[in-house]
């Protein structure tokens, strides 16, 4: 083999190595692809296509696999292995108890993936007659409410003693323009233990008020104290300080809301401030209260909760076998 041919071969080998290295770098730097979608219960009636929570979703491709679970609204977000590009084929598997396994062959793309799963159990007419009836359901919860009892008013006066027409000579305190000698007086008020001030204000009521400037310091963090001050660059003046005194009280207010029933699911939402939620319902005519604790365990339903951006909560409770709505 001639020397020229050998050099050419080694050039091609070097170019191949460089190309492979660049490809590896590109694959390493490429951001993973994320699939987003929702899982619903299959039904011809769109109003009965309920979101399915806790569905195990797996994406499988020659490059690897990724997995995720659907949330209370049926939403899932699944990150695919690095190197998987758009338009490549991927197998999506959906698994949940009491539903038929669902496998979808699809392509990776910029789209929303919606999967509909078929329930396994279909109650017979005999079972339907034997089911317990859940009726008159309503949701009760409490919210904190702050009320204020008016204790009275704080009314005080204070003087700022000064002699007018005295030059300041740059010896503070001075008038705002720096010309006249001024004096500063102040008064501090305390609303008392557990009380707070509202609408505090200070005003000049006697003396050469045009040559004064009243100031009011911000109340303390607990709003129990505040300080009024005034600057006077003429003769003695008198100031009036006023404020309302209130006593804040926190109490629990009971609220009720009525859920909406779609198919075999009971749906409702609660504000972020809701506490101690419970479902009041009649089971075969017997009124029972079911607290919704952190585990959301009810004997007659399986509940899921989703938290929205404003921290409000959306609940969905699906009836267990053996129960039905009227």
Protein backbone atom coordinates (compact mmCIF):
# COMPACT_ATOMS: atom_id res chain seq x y z
CA UNK A 1 0.00 0.00 0.00
CA UNK A 2 1.43 3.36 -0.99
CA UNK A 3 2.17 6.03 1.53
CA UNK A 4 -0.51 8.33 0.05
CA UNK A 5 -3.24 5.70 0.41
CA UNK A 6 -2.20 5.02 4.01
CA UNK A 7 -2.47 8.72 4.88
CA UNK A 8 -5.91 8.91 3.24
CA UNK A 9 -7.18 5.91 5.23
CA UNK A 10 -5.94 7.36 8.50
CA UNK A 11 -7.60 10.68 7.64
CA UNK A 12 -10.95 8.94 7.18
CA UNK A 13 -10.45 6.99 10.43
CA UNK A 14 -9.67 10.23 12.28
CA UNK A 15 -12.70 11.96 10.83
CA UNK A 16 -14.88 9.02 11.88
CA UNK A 17 -13.54 9.16 15.42
CA UNK A 18 -14.16 12.92 15.60
CA UNK A 19 -17.70 12.50 14.22
CA UNK A 20 -18.46 9.76 16.76
CA UNK A 21 -17.10 11.94 19.57
CA UNK A 22 -19.21 14.91 18.44
CA UNK A 23 -22.30 12.71 18.22
CA UNK A 24 -21.68 11.39 21.73
CA UNK A 25 -21.29 14.95 23.02
CA UNK A 26 -24.53 16.04 21.33
CA UNK A 27 -26.42 13.07 22.74
CA UNK A 28 -25.04 13.78 26.20
CA UNK A 29 -25.97 17.47 26.06
CA UNK A 30 -29.41 16.93 24.55
CA UNK A 31 -32.12 17.70 27.06
CA UNK A 32 -34.37 14.77 28.01
CA UNK A 33 -37.79 14.72 26.37
CA UNK A 34 -40.82 14.99 28.68
CA UNK A 35 -44.22 13.57 27.78
CA UNK A 36 -47.34 15.08 29.36
CA UNK A 37 -50.83 13.72 29.32
CA UNK A 38 -53.88 12.53 31.21
CA UNK A 39 -55.48 9.20 32.06
CA UNK A 40 -59.28 8.86 32.00
CA UNK A 41 -61.85 6.14 32.48
CA UNK A 42 -63.23 4.92 29.15
CA UNK A 43 -66.90 5.76 28.65
CA UNK A 44 -69.02 6.84 25.66
CA UNK A 45 -70.41 9.70 27.77
CA UNK A 46 -67.75 12.47 28.16
CA UNK A 47 -69.30 13.41 31.52
CA UNK A 48 -68.37 9.96 32.81
CA UNK A 49 -64.77 9.94 31.58
CA UNK A 50 -63.43 10.45 35.09
CA UNK A 51 -59.75 11.23 35.75
CA UNK A 52 -57.82 8.24 37.07
CA UNK A 53 -55.27 8.77 39.82
CA UNK A 54 -52.35 6.51 40.81
CA UNK A 55 -52.05 4.95 37.35
CA UNK A 56 -48.56 3.55 36.82
CA UNK A 57 -47.25 4.80 33.47
CA UNK A 58 -44.13 3.35 31.84
CA UNK A 59 -42.48 4.49 28.60
CA UNK A 60 -40.25 1.93 26.89
CA UNK A 61 -37.83 2.47 24.02
CA UNK A 62 -34.67 0.80 22.76
CA UNK A 63 -32.66 3.45 24.65
CA UNK A 64 -34.28 2.68 28.01
CA UNK A 65 -37.43 3.36 29.98
CA UNK A 66 -39.04 5.93 32.25
CA UNK A 67 -41.95 5.78 34.66
CA UNK A 68 -44.41 8.05 36.45
CA UNK A 69 -47.79 8.07 38.20
CA UNK A 70 -50.92 10.09 37.47
CA UNK A 71 -52.09 12.58 40.07
CA UNK A 72 -55.59 13.31 41.40
CA UNK A 73 -56.57 14.97 38.11
CA UNK A 74 -55.22 12.11 36.01
CA UNK A 75 -52.26 14.24 34.87
CA UNK A 76 -48.86 12.65 34.32
CA UNK A 77 -45.44 13.96 33.34
CA UNK A 78 -42.90 11.40 32.22
CA UNK A 79 -39.25 12.07 31.36
CA UNK A 80 -37.77 9.85 28.66
CA UNK A 81 -34.18 8.61 28.56
CA UNK A 82 -31.51 10.93 27.17
CA UNK A 83 -30.84 10.48 23.49
CA UNK A 84 -34.44 9.74 22.59
CA UNK A 85 -35.45 12.17 19.86
CA UNK A 86 -38.77 13.39 18.64
CA UNK A 87 -40.59 11.27 16.06
CA UNK A 88 -39.02 8.10 17.50
CA UNK A 89 -41.38 5.32 18.50
CA UNK A 90 -42.20 4.71 22.16
CA UNK A 91 -44.42 2.18 23.97
CA UNK A 92 -46.61 3.66 26.72
CA UNK A 93 -47.95 1.21 29.28
CA UNK A 94 -50.76 2.12 31.71
CA UNK A 95 -51.49 -0.07 34.74
CA UNK A 96 -54.00 0.27 37.57
CA UNK A 97 -55.91 -2.19 39.72
CA UNK A 98 -59.47 -2.90 38.55
CA UNK A 99 -58.70 -1.61 35.05
CA UNK A 100 -57.60 -3.44 31.94
CA UNK A 101 -53.92 -3.03 31.09
CA UNK A 102 -53.46 -0.50 28.29
CA UNK A 103 -50.49 -0.39 25.87
CA UNK A 104 -50.16 2.46 23.39
CA UNK A 105 -47.64 2.51 20.56
CA UNK A 106 -46.98 6.14 19.77
CA UNK A 107 -44.32 8.53 18.59
CA UNK A 108 -42.45 11.08 20.66
CA UNK A 109 -43.71 14.54 19.77
CA UNK A 110 -44.95 17.88 20.96
CA UNK A 111 -48.47 16.71 21.85
CA UNK A 112 -50.77 15.90 24.76
CA UNK A 113 -51.21 12.18 25.37
CA UNK A 114 -54.68 11.12 26.53
CA UNK A 115 -55.20 7.50 27.58
CA UNK A 116 -58.57 5.93 28.39
CA UNK A 117 -58.67 2.78 30.49
CA UNK A 118 -61.51 0.27 30.62
CA UNK A 119 -62.79 -0.86 34.04
CA UNK A 120 -62.62 -4.59 34.67
CA UNK A 121 -65.58 -4.90 37.03
CA UNK A 122 -69.08 -4.36 35.63
CA UNK A 123 -71.76 -4.81 38.31
CA UNK A 124 -74.67 -7.07 37.40
CA UNK A 125 -78.29 -6.19 38.05
CA UNK A 126 -78.28 -8.48 41.10
CA UNK A 127 -75.23 -6.74 42.53
CA UNK A 128 -76.83 -3.37 41.84
CA UNK A 129 -79.86 -4.27 43.94
CA UNK A 130 -77.56 -5.37 46.78
CA UNK A 131 -75.50 -2.19 46.82
CA UNK A 132 -75.61 0.29 49.68
CA UNK A 133 -76.94 3.71 48.69
CA UNK A 134 -74.85 6.82 49.43
CA UNK A 135 -77.12 9.87 49.47
CA UNK A 136 -77.45 13.46 50.71
CA UNK A 137 -73.70 14.00 50.72
CA UNK A 138 -72.31 17.36 51.77
CA UNK A 139 -68.88 18.59 52.84
CA UNK A 140 -68.27 20.47 56.07
CA UNK A 141 -65.08 22.32 57.02
CA UNK A 142 -63.94 25.23 59.18
CA UNK A 143 -62.02 28.43 58.43
CA UNK A 144 -60.31 30.80 60.83
CA UNK A 145 -62.06 34.16 61.11
CA UNK A 146 -60.75 37.22 62.94
CA UNK A 147 -63.21 39.62 64.53
CA UNK A 148 -62.48 42.80 66.47
CA UNK A 149 -64.17 44.01 69.63
CA UNK A 150 -64.10 47.80 69.96
CA UNK A 151 -62.50 48.54 73.34
CA UNK A 152 -62.59 52.33 73.05
CA UNK A 153 -60.45 55.23 71.88
CA UNK A 154 -57.07 56.56 72.92
CA UNK A 155 -57.06 60.39 73.14
CA UNK A 156 -54.02 62.28 74.44
CA UNK A 157 -52.42 65.69 73.96
CA UNK A 158 -48.82 66.86 74.20
CA UNK A 159 -47.02 70.18 73.89
CA UNK A 160 -43.95 71.15 71.94
CA UNK A 161 -42.40 74.11 73.76
CA UNK A 162 -40.37 76.51 71.61
CA UNK A 163 -39.61 80.20 71.07
CA UNK A 164 -40.26 81.57 67.62
CA UNK A 165 -38.05 83.71 65.40
CA UNK A 166 -34.82 82.18 66.74
CA UNK A 167 -32.25 81.50 64.05
CA UNK A 168 -31.00 77.93 63.90
CA UNK A 169 -27.33 78.54 62.93
CA UNK A 170 -27.08 74.91 61.81
CA UNK A 171 -27.73 73.63 65.31
CA UNK A 172 -30.50 70.98 64.94
CA UNK A 173 -33.31 70.55 65.34
CA UNK A 174 -34.22 73.21 62.78
CA UNK A 175 -37.16 74.07 60.57
CA UNK A 176 -37.42 72.07 57.32
CA UNK A 177 -35.65 74.88 55.43
CA UNK A 178 -32.89 75.02 58.06
CA UNK A 179 -33.52 78.68 59.01
CA UNK A 180 -35.33 78.64 62.37
CA UNK A 181 -34.52 76.93 65.62
CA UNK A 182 -37.06 74.15 66.29
CA UNK A 183 -38.11 71.80 69.06
CA UNK A 184 -39.37 68.24 68.83
CA UNK A 185 -41.90 66.66 71.16
CA UNK A 186 -43.29 63.11 71.21
CA UNK A 187 -45.81 60.86 72.88
CA UNK A 188 -45.88 57.05 73.07
CA UNK A 189 -49.06 55.05 73.56
CA UNK A 190 -49.69 51.48 74.69
CA UNK A 191 -52.98 49.77 73.82
CA UNK A 192 -52.62 47.18 76.58
CA UNK A 193 -52.11 43.44 76.63
CA UNK A 194 -53.85 41.70 73.71
CA UNK A 195 -55.13 44.96 72.22
CA UNK A 196 -54.20 46.79 69.02
CA UNK A 197 -54.42 50.33 67.69
CA UNK A 198 -56.35 51.22 64.55
CA UNK A 199 -56.39 54.50 62.55
CA UNK A 200 -53.81 56.33 64.66
CA UNK A 201 -53.48 60.04 63.80
CA UNK A 202 -51.88 63.23 65.15
CA UNK A 203 -52.94 66.85 64.55
CA UNK A 204 -52.04 70.34 65.78
CA UNK A 205 -54.88 71.98 67.75
CA UNK A 206 -53.35 75.07 69.40
CA UNK A 207 -50.54 77.59 68.76
CA UNK A 208 -49.00 78.60 65.44
CA UNK A 209 -49.85 75.31 63.73
CA UNK A 210 -48.74 76.42 60.22
CA UNK A 211 -45.16 76.25 61.49
CA UNK A 212 -45.27 72.66 62.66
CA UNK A 213 -44.84 69.24 61.14
CA UNK A 214 -46.45 66.22 62.75
CA UNK A 215 -45.09 62.69 62.30
CA UNK A 216 -46.45 59.30 63.22
CA UNK A 217 -44.14 56.34 63.54
CA UNK A 218 -45.36 52.99 62.27
CA UNK A 219 -46.94 50.82 64.94
CA UNK A 220 -44.97 47.95 66.41
CA UNK A 221 -45.34 44.55 64.70
CA UNK A 222 -48.04 43.56 67.20
CA UNK A 223 -49.76 46.97 66.67
CA UNK A 224 -49.87 47.44 70.45
CA UNK A 225 -47.58 50.50 70.54
CA UNK A 226 -47.05 53.58 68.41
CA UNK A 227 -45.26 56.91 68.81
CA UNK A 228 -46.39 60.37 67.69
CA UNK A 229 -43.89 63.20 67.23
CA UNK A 230 -44.05 66.81 66.08
CA UNK A 231 -41.54 69.47 65.04
CA UNK A 232 -42.28 73.10 65.93
CA UNK A 233 -40.19 76.09 64.71
CA UNK A 234 -42.39 78.86 66.14
CA UNK A 235 -44.01 79.43 69.54
CA UNK A 236 -45.34 76.62 71.74
CA UNK A 237 -47.96 74.38 70.12
CA UNK A 238 -50.30 71.64 71.30
CA UNK A 239 -51.00 68.38 69.48
CA UNK A 240 -53.82 65.88 69.70
CA UNK A 241 -53.23 62.13 69.29
CA UNK A 242 -56.19 59.83 68.57
CA UNK A 243 -56.60 56.13 67.79
CA UNK A 244 -59.17 53.37 68.12
CA UNK A 245 -58.37 50.47 70.42
CA UNK A 246 -59.64 47.02 69.45
CA UNK A 247 -59.27 43.51 70.79
CA UNK A 248 -58.76 40.94 67.97
CA UNK A 249 -60.40 37.55 68.44
CA UNK A 250 -59.97 34.44 66.30
CA UNK A 251 -62.78 31.92 65.95
CA UNK A 252 -63.67 28.93 63.79
CA UNK A 253 -66.48 29.38 61.30
CA UNK A 254 -68.22 26.27 59.97
CA UNK A 255 -68.79 26.19 56.22
CA UNK A 256 -70.65 23.71 54.04
CA UNK A 257 -70.43 22.90 50.35
CA UNK A 258 -72.26 20.38 48.22
CA UNK A 259 -70.24 18.08 45.96
CA UNK A 260 -71.03 17.32 42.34
CA UNK A 261 -71.53 13.69 41.30
CA UNK A 262 -70.33 12.44 37.92
CA UNK A 263 -70.88 8.73 37.38
CA UNK A 264 -69.48 6.95 40.45
CA UNK A 265 -67.32 9.88 41.58
CA UNK A 266 -68.04 12.67 44.02
CA UNK A 267 -66.16 15.93 43.26
CA UNK A 268 -65.60 19.07 45.32
CA UNK A 269 -62.92 21.66 46.09
CA UNK A 270 -61.93 23.49 49.28
CA UNK A 271 -60.11 26.80 49.82
CA UNK A 272 -56.53 26.81 51.06
CA UNK A 273 -57.68 28.00 54.50
CA UNK A 274 -60.07 25.07 55.04
CA UNK A 275 -59.44 22.93 58.12
CA UNK A 276 -60.89 19.66 59.40
CA UNK A 277 -62.84 18.67 56.28
CA UNK A 278 -65.38 15.87 56.58
CA UNK A 279 -68.10 14.36 54.45
CA UNK A 280 -71.58 14.03 55.90
CA UNK A 281 -73.65 11.46 54.06
CA UNK A 282 -76.42 8.93 54.53
CA UNK A 283 -75.53 5.26 54.00
CA UNK A 284 -78.75 3.33 53.43
CA UNK A 285 -80.62 6.13 55.19
CA UNK A 286 -78.30 6.33 58.23
CA UNK A 287 -76.56 9.70 58.68
CA UNK A 288 -72.82 9.29 59.27
CA UNK A 289 -69.92 11.79 59.45
CA UNK A 290 -66.68 10.72 57.72
CA UNK A 291 -63.59 12.82 58.62
CA UNK A 292 -61.17 13.32 55.72
CA UNK A 293 -57.83 12.77 57.41
CA UNK A 294 -54.39 12.95 55.72
CA UNK A 295 -54.80 9.38 54.37
CA UNK A 296 -58.25 10.10 52.85
CA UNK A 297 -59.58 6.72 53.94
CA UNK A 298 -63.34 6.11 53.62
CA UNK A 299 -64.95 2.70 53.83
CA UNK A 300 -67.29 3.48 50.93
CA UNK A 301 -65.00 5.43 48.58
CA UNK A 302 -61.42 5.89 47.46
CA UNK A 303 -60.48 9.57 47.57
CA UNK A 304 -57.72 11.56 45.90
CA UNK A 305 -56.75 15.19 46.34
CA UNK A 306 -54.87 17.61 44.10
CA UNK A 307 -53.36 20.95 45.16
CA UNK A 308 -53.82 23.90 42.81
CA UNK A 309 -51.48 26.87 42.33
CA UNK A 310 -53.46 28.97 44.82
CA UNK A 311 -53.13 26.11 47.35
CA UNK A 312 -56.82 25.28 47.13
CA UNK A 313 -57.54 21.54 47.06
CA UNK A 314 -59.62 19.52 44.62
CA UNK A 315 -61.06 16.23 45.88
CA UNK A 316 -62.47 13.29 43.97
CA UNK A 317 -63.94 10.28 45.76
CA UNK A 318 -64.76 7.20 43.67
CA UNK A 319 -67.27 4.73 45.11
CA UNK A 320 -65.95 1.34 46.16
CA UNK A 321 -67.66 -1.83 44.91
CA UNK A 322 -70.88 -2.44 46.84
CA UNK A 323 -71.92 1.21 46.94
CA UNK A 324 -73.86 3.43 44.59
CA UNK A 325 -75.41 6.88 44.37
CA UNK A 326 -79.20 7.16 44.10
